[in-house]
């Protein structure tokens, strides 16, 4: 069975809904072996899974990897990353993300 981007998106989103950030990250790490490209939905769901589990550092790590992979961030991506910082009492980082969101001209 061939695994595609949509399949990965669905599974990572399911992990997000169940707050299973470790499984979401594991799948994210497997995508290169599966020859599947991650997209905005994939990364956003993984960031959100970390946010819901209070793993703000992992959320920001994924956010940086997303930028490194040149995958475009959207409002959902930034909101999840900002929310993860808020839950981790990292208001300075949240503020920096808000500035970056404004500078990148993400549609709200």
Protein backbone atom coordinates (compact mmCIF):
# COMPACT_ATOMS: atom_id res chain seq x y z
CA UNK A 1 0.00 0.00 0.00
CA UNK A 2 1.44 3.35 -1.05
CA UNK A 3 1.39 6.02 1.63
CA UNK A 4 0.77 9.54 0.40
CA UNK A 5 0.71 13.03 1.83
CA UNK A 6 -3.04 12.94 2.43
CA UNK A 7 -2.73 9.67 4.37
CA UNK A 8 0.00 11.16 6.55
CA UNK A 9 -2.08 14.32 7.08
CA UNK A 10 -5.03 12.24 8.27
CA UNK A 11 -2.96 10.17 10.71
CA UNK A 12 -1.06 13.16 12.13
CA UNK A 13 -4.38 15.02 12.52
CA UNK A 14 -5.81 12.00 14.37
CA UNK A 15 -2.78 12.05 16.69
CA UNK A 16 -3.36 15.76 17.27
CA UNK A 17 -6.99 15.20 18.26
CA UNK A 18 -5.92 12.51 20.73
CA UNK A 19 -3.03 14.64 22.10
CA UNK A 20 -0.55 11.96 21.05
CA UNK A 21 2.30 14.27 20.14
CA UNK A 22 4.95 11.52 20.32
CA UNK A 23 3.17 9.47 17.66
CA UNK A 24 2.68 12.57 15.50
CA UNK A 25 6.41 13.36 15.70
CA UNK A 26 7.34 9.75 14.99
CA UNK A 27 5.24 9.79 11.83
CA UNK A 28 6.68 13.18 10.86
CA UNK A 29 10.16 11.68 11.17
CA UNK A 30 9.16 8.67 9.07
CA UNK A 31 7.96 10.72 6.11
CA UNK A 32 11.40 10.90 4.52
CA UNK A 33 11.69 7.10 4.64
CA UNK A 34 8.22 6.82 3.15
CA UNK A 35 9.15 9.30 0.40
CA UNK A 36 6.22 11.50 1.43
CA UNK A 37 6.47 15.28 1.42
CA UNK A 38 5.09 17.06 4.45
CA UNK A 39 2.87 20.03 3.78
CA UNK A 40 1.35 22.85 5.81
CA UNK A 41 -1.42 20.59 7.10
CA UNK A 42 1.03 17.92 8.27
CA UNK A 43 3.27 20.35 10.14
CA UNK A 44 0.35 22.35 11.58
CA UNK A 45 -1.29 19.20 12.96
CA UNK A 46 2.00 18.09 14.54
CA UNK A 47 2.53 21.55 16.09
CA UNK A 48 -1.03 21.48 17.38
CA UNK A 49 -0.55 18.01 18.87
CA UNK A 50 2.44 19.33 20.82
CA UNK A 51 0.52 22.45 21.82
CA UNK A 52 -2.38 20.41 23.21
CA UNK A 53 0.06 18.28 25.21
CA UNK A 54 1.96 21.24 26.66
CA UNK A 55 5.08 20.47 24.63
CA UNK A 56 5.88 24.04 23.58
CA UNK A 57 9.56 23.33 22.93
CA UNK A 58 8.69 20.50 20.53
CA UNK A 59 6.09 22.71 18.85
CA UNK A 60 8.69 25.41 18.20
CA UNK A 61 11.18 22.80 17.01
CA UNK A 62 8.66 21.58 14.42
CA UNK A 63 7.92 25.19 13.45
CA UNK A 64 11.65 25.73 12.75
CA UNK A 65 11.91 22.49 10.75
CA UNK A 66 8.90 23.58 8.73
CA UNK A 67 10.63 26.84 7.81
CA UNK A 68 13.85 24.98 7.02
CA UNK A 69 11.91 22.70 4.66
CA UNK A 70 10.44 25.81 3.02
CA UNK A 71 6.88 24.78 3.79
CA UNK A 72 4.60 27.80 4.00
CA UNK A 73 3.07 28.62 7.39
CA UNK A 74 -0.52 29.76 7.65
CA UNK A 75 -2.74 31.24 10.35
CA UNK A 76 -3.40 27.81 11.85
CA UNK A 77 0.33 27.07 12.06
CA UNK A 78 1.14 30.35 13.77
CA UNK A 79 -1.86 30.12 16.09
CA UNK A 80 -0.86 26.66 17.30
CA UNK A 81 2.75 27.74 17.83
CA UNK A 82 1.69 30.91 19.66
CA UNK A 83 -0.78 28.97 21.80
CA UNK A 84 1.91 26.44 22.71
CA UNK A 85 4.12 29.30 23.94
CA UNK A 86 1.22 30.74 25.92
CA UNK A 87 0.61 27.40 27.64
CA UNK A 88 4.30 27.20 28.46
CA UNK A 89 4.32 30.74 29.90
CA UNK A 90 6.72 31.77 27.14
CA UNK A 91 5.10 35.10 26.30
CA UNK A 92 8.29 36.53 24.79
CA UNK A 93 8.44 33.71 22.24
CA UNK A 94 4.72 34.10 21.53
CA UNK A 95 5.27 37.78 20.86
CA UNK A 96 8.15 37.01 18.49
CA UNK A 97 5.92 34.58 16.59
CA UNK A 98 3.20 37.21 16.34
CA UNK A 99 5.71 39.67 14.89
CA UNK A 100 6.96 37.00 12.45
CA UNK A 101 3.37 36.27 11.42
CA UNK A 102 2.79 39.95 10.70
CA UNK A 103 6.05 40.27 8.79
CA UNK A 104 5.34 37.19 6.68
CA UNK A 105 1.98 38.69 5.72
CA UNK A 106 0.02 35.57 6.61
CA UNK A 107 -3.64 36.07 5.79
CA UNK A 108 -5.84 36.18 8.86
